């Protein structure tokens, strides 16, 4: 039986300078097998490394047959997903806010 949904809040940058630090926290949460919600409302900046980390986590969740949801997309995350045309890849609902 699967564990209850786990929630992790990411705050600050999701950039190359923090990618390894974030990976060390987020990847084990996927490996744990519990459904996971990652709240991105506190992300102030995201670059290609942050997007790659999100993609790696999503792919890991598919391999492990678990539910992974990214929620609370900050303006920085929304902009990065829009520019990269990857919002559909993640399949998470996003609340679009006016800037």
PDB file of N, CA and C in Angstrom:
ATOM      1  N   UNK A   1       0.841  -1.188   0.000  1.00  0.00           N
ATOM      2  CA  UNK A   1       0.000   0.000   0.000  1.00  0.00           C
ATOM      3  C   UNK A   1       0.880   1.244   0.000  1.00  0.00           C
ATOM      4  N   UNK A   2       0.506   2.239  -0.802  1.00  0.00           N
ATOM      5  CA  UNK A   2       1.294   3.462  -0.897  1.00  0.00           C
ATOM      6  C   UNK A   2       1.107   4.337   0.344  1.00  0.00           C
ATOM      7  N   UNK A   3       2.144   5.100   0.619  1.00  0.00           N
ATOM      8  CA  UNK A   3       2.090   6.065   1.710  1.00  0.00           C
ATOM      9  C   UNK A   3       1.189   7.232   1.308  1.00  0.00           C
ATOM     10  N   UNK A   4       0.821   8.052   2.269  1.00  0.00           N
ATOM     11  CA  UNK A   4       0.026   9.245   1.994  1.00  0.00           C
ATOM     12  C   UNK A   4       0.853  10.228   1.164  1.00  0.00           C
ATOM     13  N   UNK A   5       0.168  11.193   0.588  1.00  0.00           N
ATOM     14  CA  UNK A   5       0.840  12.210  -0.227  1.00  0.00           C
ATOM     15  C   UNK A   5       1.783  13.032   0.643  1.00  0.00           C
ATOM     16  N   UNK A   6       2.960  13.239   0.133  1.00  0.00           N
ATOM     17  CA  UNK A   6       3.987  14.040   0.804  1.00  0.00           C
ATOM     18  C   UNK A   6       4.059  15.393   0.096  1.00  0.00           C
ATOM     19  N   UNK A   7       4.288  16.470   0.848  1.00  0.00           N
ATOM     20  CA  UNK A   7       4.412  17.789   0.239  1.00  0.00           C
ATOM     21  C   UNK A   7       5.763  18.393   0.591  1.00  0.00           C
ATOM     22  N   UNK A   8       6.399  18.961  -0.428  1.00  0.00           N
ATOM     23  CA  UNK A   8       7.670  19.668  -0.246  1.00  0.00           C
ATOM     24  C   UNK A   8       7.498  21.057  -0.839  1.00  0.00           C
ATOM     25  N   UNK A   9       7.946  22.065  -0.116  1.00  0.00           N
ATOM     26  CA  UNK A   9       7.882  23.445  -0.587  1.00  0.00           C
ATOM     27  C   UNK A   9       9.294  23.864  -1.003  1.00  0.00           C
ATOM     28  N   UNK A  10       9.401  24.357  -2.231  1.00  0.00           N
ATOM     29  CA  UNK A  10      10.691  24.856  -2.729  1.00  0.00           C
ATOM     30  C   UNK A  10      10.647  26.373  -2.664  1.00  0.00           C
ATOM     31  N   UNK A  11      11.659  26.952  -2.032  1.00  0.00           N
ATOM     32  CA  UNK A  11      11.737  28.411  -1.910  1.00  0.00           C
ATOM     33  C   UNK A  11      13.066  28.900  -2.446  1.00  0.00           C
ATOM     34  N   UNK A  12      13.052  30.108  -2.993  1.00  0.00           N
ATOM     35  CA  UNK A  12      14.282  30.703  -3.517  1.00  0.00           C
ATOM     36  C   UNK A  12      14.525  30.282  -4.951  1.00  0.00           C
ATOM     37  N   UNK A  13      15.789  30.170  -5.303  1.00  0.00           N
ATOM     38  CA  UNK A  13      16.184  29.880  -6.674  1.00  0.00           C
ATOM     39  C   UNK A  13      16.145  28.397  -6.994  1.00  0.00           C
ATOM     40  N   UNK A  14      15.747  28.089  -8.224  1.00  0.00           N
ATOM     41  CA  UNK A  14      15.901  26.751  -8.804  1.00  0.00           C
ATOM     42  C   UNK A  14      16.837  26.937  -9.995  1.00  0.00           C
ATOM     43  N   UNK A  15      18.088  27.213  -9.671  1.00  0.00           N
ATOM     44  CA  UNK A  15      19.075  27.527 -10.702  1.00  0.00           C
ATOM     45  C   UNK A  15      20.252  26.567 -10.597  1.00  0.00           C
ATOM     46  N   UNK A  16      21.176  26.699 -11.522  1.00  0.00           N
ATOM     47  CA  UNK A  16      22.337  25.810 -11.556  1.00  0.00           C
ATOM     48  C   UNK A  16      23.101  25.835 -10.229  1.00  0.00           C
ATOM     49  N   UNK A  17      23.098  26.967  -9.557  1.00  0.00           N
ATOM     50  CA  UNK A  17      23.841  27.071  -8.300  1.00  0.00           C
ATOM     51  C   UNK A  17      23.203  26.253  -7.172  1.00  0.00           C
ATOM     52  N   UNK A  18      21.925  25.898  -7.310  1.00  0.00           N
ATOM     53  CA  UNK A  18      21.235  25.100  -6.279  1.00  0.00           C
ATOM     54  C   UNK A  18      20.750  23.750  -6.779  1.00  0.00           C
ATOM     55  N   UNK A  19      20.999  23.444  -8.036  1.00  0.00           N
ATOM     56  CA  UNK A  19      20.434  22.234  -8.638  1.00  0.00           C
ATOM     57  C   UNK A  19      20.807  20.978  -7.861  1.00  0.00           C
ATOM     58  N   UNK A  20      22.056  20.808  -7.515  1.00  0.00           N
ATOM     59  CA  UNK A  20      22.487  19.601  -6.809  1.00  0.00           C
ATOM     60  C   UNK A  20      21.870  19.535  -5.415  1.00  0.00           C
ATOM     61  N   UNK A  21      21.827  20.651  -4.725  1.00  0.00           N
ATOM     62  CA  UNK A  21      21.211  20.712  -3.394  1.00  0.00           C
ATOM     63  C   UNK A  21      19.741  20.306  -3.461  1.00  0.00           C
ATOM     64  N   UNK A  22      19.017  20.849  -4.428  1.00  0.00           N
ATOM     65  CA  UNK A  22      17.599  20.524  -4.573  1.00  0.00           C
ATOM     66  C   UNK A  22      17.410  19.071  -4.993  1.00  0.00           C
ATOM     67  N   UNK A  23      18.268  18.586  -5.882  1.00  0.00           N
ATOM     68  CA  UNK A  23      18.175  17.192  -6.325  1.00  0.00           C
ATOM     69  C   UNK A  23      18.341  16.236  -5.150  1.00  0.00           C
ATOM     70  N   UNK A  24      19.258  16.558  -4.240  1.00  0.00           N
ATOM     71  CA  UNK A  24      19.509  15.699  -3.081  1.00  0.00           C
ATOM     72  C   UNK A  24      18.319  15.639  -2.128  1.00  0.00           C
ATOM     73  N   UNK A  25      17.446  16.638  -2.172  1.00  0.00           N
ATOM     74  CA  UNK A  25      16.239  16.646  -1.341  1.00  0.00           C
ATOM     75  C   UNK A  25      15.049  16.041  -2.083  1.00  0.00           C
ATOM     76  N   UNK A  26      14.893  16.428  -3.351  1.00  0.00           N
ATOM     77  CA  UNK A  26      13.691  16.061  -4.091  1.00  0.00           C
ATOM     78  C   UNK A  26      13.722  14.646  -4.666  1.00  0.00           C
ATOM     79  N   UNK A  27      14.859  14.195  -5.155  1.00  0.00           N
ATOM     80  CA  UNK A  27      14.912  12.860  -5.760  1.00  0.00           C
ATOM     81  C   UNK A  27      14.610  11.750  -4.753  1.00  0.00           C
ATOM     82  N   UNK A  28      15.179  11.776  -3.550  1.00  0.00           N
ATOM     83  CA  UNK A  28      14.822  10.731  -2.583  1.00  0.00           C
ATOM     84  C   UNK A  28      13.323  10.711  -2.252  1.00  0.00           C
ATOM     85  N   UNK A  29      12.676  11.862  -2.319  1.00  0.00           N
ATOM     86  CA  UNK A  29      11.235  11.903  -2.070  1.00  0.00           C
ATOM     87  C   UNK A  29      10.485  11.139  -3.166  1.00  0.00           C
ATOM     88  N   UNK A  30      10.998  11.177  -4.395  1.00  0.00           N
ATOM     89  CA  UNK A  30      10.388  10.398  -5.490  1.00  0.00           C
ATOM     90  C   UNK A  30      10.683   8.915  -5.316  1.00  0.00           C
ATOM     91  N   UNK A  31      11.861   8.603  -4.892  1.00  0.00           N
ATOM     92  CA  UNK A  31      12.279   7.211  -4.741  1.00  0.00           C
ATOM     93  C   UNK A  31      11.512   6.540  -3.608  1.00  0.00           C
ATOM     94  N   UNK A  32      11.088   7.324  -2.638  1.00  0.00           N
ATOM     95  CA  UNK A  32      10.325   6.827  -1.488  1.00  0.00           C
ATOM     96  C   UNK A  32       9.042   6.125  -1.928  1.00  0.00           C
ATOM     97  N   UNK A  33       8.493   6.525  -3.072  1.00  0.00           N
ATOM     98  CA  UNK A  33       7.309   5.852  -3.608  1.00  0.00           C
ATOM     99  C   UNK A  33       5.985   6.474  -3.218  1.00  0.00           C
ATOM    100  N   UNK A  34       5.993   7.390  -2.267  1.00  0.00           N
ATOM    101  CA  UNK A  34       4.753   8.063  -1.881  1.00  0.00           C
ATOM    102  C   UNK A  34       4.389   9.087  -2.943  1.00  0.00           C
ATOM    103  N   UNK A  35       3.094   9.327  -3.134  1.00  0.00           N
ATOM    104  CA  UNK A  35       2.688  10.401  -4.022  1.00  0.00           C
ATOM    105  C   UNK A  35       3.266  11.702  -3.484  1.00  0.00           C
ATOM    106  N   UNK A  36       3.632  12.599  -4.385  1.00  0.00           N
ATOM    107  CA  UNK A  36       4.392  13.783  -3.995  1.00  0.00           C
ATOM    108  C   UNK A  36       3.808  15.032  -4.628  1.00  0.00           C
ATOM    109  N   UNK A  37       3.728  16.086  -3.827  1.00  0.00           N
ATOM    110  CA  UNK A  37       3.331  17.405  -4.311  1.00  0.00           C
ATOM    111  C   UNK A  37       4.489  18.351  -4.021  1.00  0.00           C
ATOM    112  N   UNK A  38       4.951  19.040  -5.055  1.00  0.00           N
ATOM    113  CA  UNK A  38       6.035  20.004  -4.889  1.00  0.00           C
ATOM    114  C   UNK A  38       5.459  21.387  -5.137  1.00  0.00           C
ATOM    115  N   UNK A  39       5.441  22.197  -4.084  1.00  0.00           N
ATOM    116  CA  UNK A  39       4.893  23.553  -4.132  1.00  0.00           C
ATOM    117  C   UNK A  39       5.982  24.506  -4.620  1.00  0.00           C
ATOM    118  N   UNK A  40       5.731  25.147  -5.760  1.00  0.00           N
ATOM    119  CA  UNK A  40       6.719  26.036  -6.377  1.00  0.00           C
ATOM    120  C   UNK A  40       6.381  27.514  -6.170  1.00  0.00           C
ATOM    121  N   UNK A  41       5.464  27.820  -5.266  1.00  0.00           N
ATOM    122  CA  UNK A  41       5.026  29.209  -5.084  1.00  0.00           C
ATOM    123  C   UNK A  41       6.123  30.118  -4.549  1.00  0.00           C
ATOM    124  N   UNK A  42       7.135  29.548  -3.901  1.00  0.00           N
ATOM    125  CA  UNK A  42       8.219  30.356  -3.354  1.00  0.00           C
ATOM    126  C   UNK A  42       9.445  30.439  -4.243  1.00  0.00           C
ATOM    127  N   UNK A  43       9.354  29.924  -5.472  1.00  0.00           N
ATOM    128  CA  UNK A  43      10.500  29.963  -6.387  1.00  0.00           C
ATOM    129  C   UNK A  43      10.620  31.365  -6.971  1.00  0.00           C
ATOM    130  N   UNK A  44      11.770  31.991  -6.734  1.00  0.00           N
ATOM    131  CA  UNK A  44      11.995  33.363  -7.184  1.00  0.00           C
ATOM    132  C   UNK A  44      12.693  33.441  -8.532  1.00  0.00           C
ATOM    133  N   UNK A  45      13.426  32.390  -8.881  1.00  0.00           N
ATOM    134  CA  UNK A  45      14.154  32.357 -10.151  1.00  0.00           C
ATOM    135  C   UNK A  45      14.345  30.901 -10.560  1.00  0.00           C
ATOM    136  N   UNK A  46      14.231  30.628 -11.858  1.00  0.00           N
ATOM    137  CA  UNK A  46      14.438  29.278 -12.356  1.00  0.00           C
ATOM    138  C   UNK A  46      15.131  29.363 -13.709  1.00  0.00           C
ATOM    139  N   UNK A  47      16.090  28.472 -13.923  1.00  0.00           N
ATOM    140  CA  UNK A  47      16.794  28.430 -15.206  1.00  0.00           C
ATOM    141  C   UNK A  47      16.656  27.028 -15.791  1.00  0.00           C
ATOM    142  N   UNK A  48      17.410  26.745 -16.836  1.00  0.00           N
ATOM    143  CA  UNK A  48      17.325  25.449 -17.503  1.00  0.00           C
ATOM    144  C   UNK A  48      17.623  24.299 -16.549  1.00  0.00           C
ATOM    145  N   UNK A  49      18.512  24.499 -15.592  1.00  0.00           N
ATOM    146  CA  UNK A  49      18.814  23.444 -14.620  1.00  0.00           C
ATOM    147  C   UNK A  49      17.606  23.121 -13.755  1.00  0.00           C
ATOM    148  N   UNK A  50      16.860  24.143 -13.383  1.00  0.00           N
ATOM    149  CA  UNK A  50      15.648  23.929 -12.598  1.00  0.00           C
ATOM    150  C   UNK A  50      14.592  23.196 -13.395  1.00  0.00           C
ATOM    151  N   UNK A  51      14.440  23.568 -14.653  1.00  0.00           N
ATOM    152  CA  UNK A  51      13.491  22.885 -15.535  1.00  0.00           C
ATOM    153  C   UNK A  51      13.913  21.429 -15.732  1.00  0.00           C
ATOM    154  N   UNK A  52      15.216  21.197 -15.939  1.00  0.00           N
ATOM    155  CA  UNK A  52      15.720  19.830 -16.106  1.00  0.00           C
ATOM    156  C   UNK A  52      15.453  18.997 -14.860  1.00  0.00           C
ATOM    157  N   UNK A  53      15.614  19.586 -13.700  1.00  0.00           N
ATOM    158  CA  UNK A  53      15.338  18.871 -12.458  1.00  0.00           C
ATOM    159  C   UNK A  53      13.859  18.506 -12.376  1.00  0.00           C
ATOM    160  N   UNK A  54      12.986  19.436 -12.730  1.00  0.00           N
ATOM    161  CA  UNK A  54      11.549  19.150 -12.732  1.00  0.00           C
ATOM    162  C   UNK A  54      11.236  17.995 -13.689  1.00  0.00           C
ATOM    163  N   UNK A  55      11.862  18.008 -14.864  1.00  0.00           N
ATOM    164  CA  UNK A  55      11.634  16.950 -15.847  1.00  0.00           C
ATOM    165  C   UNK A  55      12.138  15.606 -15.332  1.00  0.00           C
ATOM    166  N   UNK A  56      13.308  15.599 -14.713  1.00  0.00           N
ATOM    167  CA  UNK A  56      13.871  14.360 -14.174  1.00  0.00           C
ATOM    168  C   UNK A  56      12.959  13.783 -13.093  1.00  0.00           C
ATOM    169  N   UNK A  57      12.420  14.645 -12.249  1.00  0.00           N
ATOM    170  CA  UNK A  57      11.511  14.197 -11.194  1.00  0.00           C
ATOM    171  C   UNK A  57      10.225  13.635 -11.791  1.00  0.00           C
ATOM    172  N   UNK A  58       9.709  14.298 -12.808  1.00  0.00           N
ATOM    173  CA  UNK A  58       8.478  13.827 -13.447  1.00  0.00           C
ATOM    174  C   UNK A  58       8.708  12.458 -14.087  1.00  0.00           C
ATOM    175  N   UNK A  59       9.828  12.298 -14.784  1.00  0.00           N
ATOM    176  CA  UNK A  59      10.140  11.015 -15.416  1.00  0.00           C
ATOM    177  C   UNK A  59      10.345   9.919 -14.366  1.00  0.00           C
ATOM    178  N   UNK A  60      11.003  10.251 -13.274  1.00  0.00           N
ATOM    179  CA  UNK A  60      11.204   9.288 -12.187  1.00  0.00           C
ATOM    180  C   UNK A  60       9.864   8.848 -11.607  1.00  0.00           C
ATOM    181  N   UNK A  61       8.947   9.798 -11.467  1.00  0.00           N
ATOM    182  CA  UNK A  61       7.621   9.445 -10.928  1.00  0.00           C
ATOM    183  C   UNK A  61       6.872   8.500 -11.867  1.00  0.00           C
ATOM    184  N   UNK A  62       7.041   8.688 -13.168  1.00  0.00           N
ATOM    185  CA  UNK A  62       6.389   7.808 -14.143  1.00  0.00           C
ATOM    186  C   UNK A  62       6.969   6.402 -14.038  1.00  0.00           C
ATOM    187  N   UNK A  63       8.293   6.311 -13.961  1.00  0.00           N
ATOM    188  CA  UNK A  63       8.960   5.008 -13.841  1.00  0.00           C
ATOM    189  C   UNK A  63       8.504   4.284 -12.581  1.00  0.00           C
ATOM    190  N   UNK A  64       8.314   5.015 -11.505  1.00  0.00           N
ATOM    191  CA  UNK A  64       7.943   4.428 -10.216  1.00  0.00           C
ATOM    192  C   UNK A  64       6.426   4.326 -10.023  1.00  0.00           C
ATOM    193  N   UNK A  65       5.657   4.695 -11.044  1.00  0.00           N
ATOM    194  CA  UNK A  65       4.205   4.610 -10.992  1.00  0.00           C
ATOM    195  C   UNK A  65       3.629   5.342  -9.781  1.00  0.00           C
ATOM    196  N   UNK A  66       4.119   6.556  -9.574  1.00  0.00           N
ATOM    197  CA  UNK A  66       3.623   7.388  -8.482  1.00  0.00           C
ATOM    198  C   UNK A  66       3.084   8.688  -9.049  1.00  0.00           C
ATOM    199  N   UNK A  67       2.279   9.369  -8.280  1.00  0.00           N
ATOM    200  CA  UNK A  67       1.731  10.657  -8.695  1.00  0.00           C
ATOM    201  C   UNK A  67       2.648  11.775  -8.212  1.00  0.00           C
ATOM    202  N   UNK A  68       3.049  12.633  -9.135  1.00  0.00           N
ATOM    203  CA  UNK A  68       3.841  13.811  -8.806  1.00  0.00           C
ATOM    204  C   UNK A  68       3.109  15.021  -9.357  1.00  0.00           C
ATOM    205  N   UNK A  69       2.855  15.990  -8.494  1.00  0.00           N
ATOM    206  CA  UNK A  69       2.192  17.220  -8.928  1.00  0.00           C
ATOM    207  C   UNK A  69       3.035  18.415  -8.514  1.00  0.00           C
ATOM    208  N   UNK A  70       3.256  19.299  -9.471  1.00  0.00           N
ATOM    209  CA  UNK A  70       3.863  20.593  -9.166  1.00  0.00           C
ATOM    210  C   UNK A  70       2.714  21.564  -8.985  1.00  0.00           C
ATOM    211  N   UNK A  71       2.715  22.306  -7.885  1.00  0.00           N
ATOM    212  CA  UNK A  71       1.618  23.222  -7.581  1.00  0.00           C
ATOM    213  C   UNK A  71       2.148  24.605  -7.252  1.00  0.00           C
ATOM    214  N   UNK A  72       1.249  25.583  -7.208  1.00  0.00           N
ATOM    215  CA  UNK A  72       1.597  26.933  -6.777  1.00  0.00           C
ATOM    216  C   UNK A  72       2.655  27.586  -7.641  1.00  0.00           C
ATOM    217  N   UNK A  73       2.647  27.335  -8.927  1.00  0.00           N
ATOM    218  CA  UNK A  73       3.669  27.847  -9.839  1.00  0.00           C
ATOM    219  C   UNK A  73       3.842  29.359  -9.664  1.00  0.00           C
ATOM    220  N   UNK A  74       5.033  29.776  -9.245  1.00  0.00           N
ATOM    221  CA  UNK A  74       5.314  31.206  -9.109  1.00  0.00           C
ATOM    222  C   UNK A  74       5.378  31.837 -10.495  1.00  0.00           C
ATOM    223  N   UNK A  75       5.400  33.162 -10.539  1.00  0.00           N
ATOM    224  CA  UNK A  75       5.492  33.875 -11.815  1.00  0.00           C
ATOM    225  C   UNK A  75       6.762  33.461 -12.567  1.00  0.00           C
ATOM    226  N   UNK A  76       7.865  33.269 -11.841  1.00  0.00           N
ATOM    227  CA  UNK A  76       9.126  32.864 -12.481  1.00  0.00           C
ATOM    228  C   UNK A  76       8.986  31.493 -13.129  1.00  0.00           C
ATOM    229  N   UNK A  77       8.332  30.564 -12.451  1.00  0.00           N
ATOM    230  CA  UNK A  77       8.139  29.219 -12.993  1.00  0.00           C
ATOM    231  C   UNK A  77       7.194  29.265 -14.187  1.00  0.00           C
ATOM    232  N   UNK A  78       6.107  30.008 -14.062  1.00  0.00           N
ATOM    233  CA  UNK A  78       5.165  30.132 -15.175  1.00  0.00           C
ATOM    234  C   UNK A  78       5.854  30.668 -16.422  1.00  0.00           C
ATOM    235  N   UNK A  79       6.669  31.697 -16.247  1.00  0.00           N
ATOM    236  CA  UNK A  79       7.376  32.299 -17.379  1.00  0.00           C
ATOM    237  C   UNK A  79       8.340  31.299 -18.018  1.00  0.00           C
ATOM    238  N   UNK A  80       9.081  30.567 -17.190  1.00  0.00           N
ATOM    239  CA  UNK A  80      10.044  29.591 -17.717  1.00  0.00           C
ATOM    240  C   UNK A  80       9.333  28.472 -18.466  1.00  0.00           C
ATOM    241  N   UNK A  81       8.213  28.000 -17.935  1.00  0.00           N
ATOM    242  CA  UNK A  81       7.471  26.934 -18.607  1.00  0.00           C
ATOM    243  C   UNK A  81       6.850  27.435 -19.907  1.00  0.00           C
ATOM    244  N   UNK A  82       6.413  28.679 -19.897  1.00  0.00           N
ATOM    245  CA  UNK A  82       5.851  29.260 -21.113  1.00  0.00           C
ATOM    246  C   UNK A  82       6.935  29.424 -22.183  1.00  0.00           C
ATOM    247  N   UNK A  83       8.088  29.947 -21.791  1.00  0.00           N
ATOM    248  CA  UNK A  83       9.186  30.151 -22.742  1.00  0.00           C
ATOM    249  C   UNK A  83       9.717  28.834 -23.306  1.00  0.00           C
ATOM    250  N   UNK A  84       9.736  27.807 -22.486  1.00  0.00           N
ATOM    251  CA  UNK A  84      10.261  26.510 -22.915  1.00  0.00           C
ATOM    252  C   UNK A  84       9.186  25.630 -23.561  1.00  0.00           C
ATOM    253  N   UNK A  85       7.937  26.084 -23.505  1.00  0.00           N
ATOM    254  CA  UNK A  85       6.803  25.349 -24.065  1.00  0.00           C
ATOM    255  C   UNK A  85       6.686  23.954 -23.449  1.00  0.00           C
ATOM    256  N   UNK A  86       6.918  23.855 -22.135  1.00  0.00           N
ATOM    257  CA  UNK A  86       6.902  22.567 -21.452  1.00  0.00           C
ATOM    258  C   UNK A  86       5.750  22.386 -20.464  1.00  0.00           C
ATOM    259  N   UNK A  87       4.872  23.344 -20.353  1.00  0.00           N
ATOM    260  CA  UNK A  87       3.775  23.217 -19.388  1.00  0.00           C
ATOM    261  C   UNK A  87       2.978  21.946 -19.638  1.00  0.00           C
ATOM    262  N   UNK A  88       2.740  21.612 -20.882  1.00  0.00           N
ATOM    263  CA  UNK A  88       1.986  20.413 -21.222  1.00  0.00           C
ATOM    264  C   UNK A  88       2.695  19.134 -20.817  1.00  0.00           C
ATOM    265  N   UNK A  89       4.017  19.141 -20.834  1.00  0.00           N
ATOM    266  CA  UNK A  89       4.797  17.963 -20.443  1.00  0.00           C
ATOM    267  C   UNK A  89       4.469  17.568 -19.004  1.00  0.00           C
ATOM    268  N   UNK A  90       4.345  18.564 -18.142  1.00  0.00           N
ATOM    269  CA  UNK A  90       4.099  18.288 -16.726  1.00  0.00           C
ATOM    270  C   UNK A  90       2.635  17.977 -16.459  1.00  0.00           C
ATOM    271  N   UNK A  91       1.741  18.565 -17.218  1.00  0.00           N
ATOM    272  CA  UNK A  91       0.320  18.262 -17.089  1.00  0.00           C
ATOM    273  C   UNK A  91      -0.321  18.754 -15.811  1.00  0.00           C
ATOM    274  N   UNK A  92       0.308  19.687 -15.123  1.00  0.00           N
ATOM    275  CA  UNK A  92      -0.251  20.209 -13.882  1.00  0.00           C
ATOM    276  C   UNK A  92      -1.071  21.453 -14.159  1.00  0.00           C
ATOM    277  N   UNK A  93      -2.210  21.613 -13.516  1.00  0.00           N
ATOM    278  CA  UNK A  93      -2.963  22.858 -13.695  1.00  0.00           C
ATOM    279  C   UNK A  93      -2.176  24.034 -13.125  1.00  0.00           C
ATOM    280  N   UNK A  94      -2.189  25.137 -13.847  1.00  0.00           N
ATOM    281  CA  UNK A  94      -1.496  26.345 -13.381  1.00  0.00           C
ATOM    282  C   UNK A  94      -2.503  27.482 -13.302  1.00  0.00           C
ATOM    283  N   UNK A  95      -2.452  28.199 -12.205  1.00  0.00           N
ATOM    284  CA  UNK A  95      -3.258  29.390 -12.060  1.00  0.00           C
ATOM    285  C   UNK A  95      -2.478  30.530 -12.690  1.00  0.00           C
ATOM    286  N   UNK A  96      -2.982  31.071 -13.770  1.00  0.00           N
ATOM    287  CA  UNK A  96      -2.306  32.160 -14.466  1.00  0.00           C
ATOM    288  C   UNK A  96      -2.707  33.461 -13.801  1.00  0.00           C
ATOM    289  N   UNK A  97      -1.704  34.204 -13.352  1.00  0.00           N
ATOM    290  CA  UNK A  97      -1.967  35.478 -12.711  1.00  0.00           C
ATOM    291  C   UNK A  97      -1.445  36.597 -13.591  1.00  0.00           C
ATOM    292  N   UNK A  98      -2.020  37.785 -13.451  1.00  0.00           N
ATOM    293  CA  UNK A  98      -1.516  38.922 -14.213  1.00  0.00           C
ATOM    294  C   UNK A  98      -0.327  39.503 -13.482  1.00  0.00           C
ATOM    295  N   UNK A  99       0.631  39.961 -14.238  1.00  0.00           N
ATOM    296  CA  UNK A  99       1.883  40.486 -13.636  1.00  0.00           C
ATOM    297  C   UNK A  99       1.757  41.956 -13.377  1.00  0.00           C
TER     298      UNK A  99
END
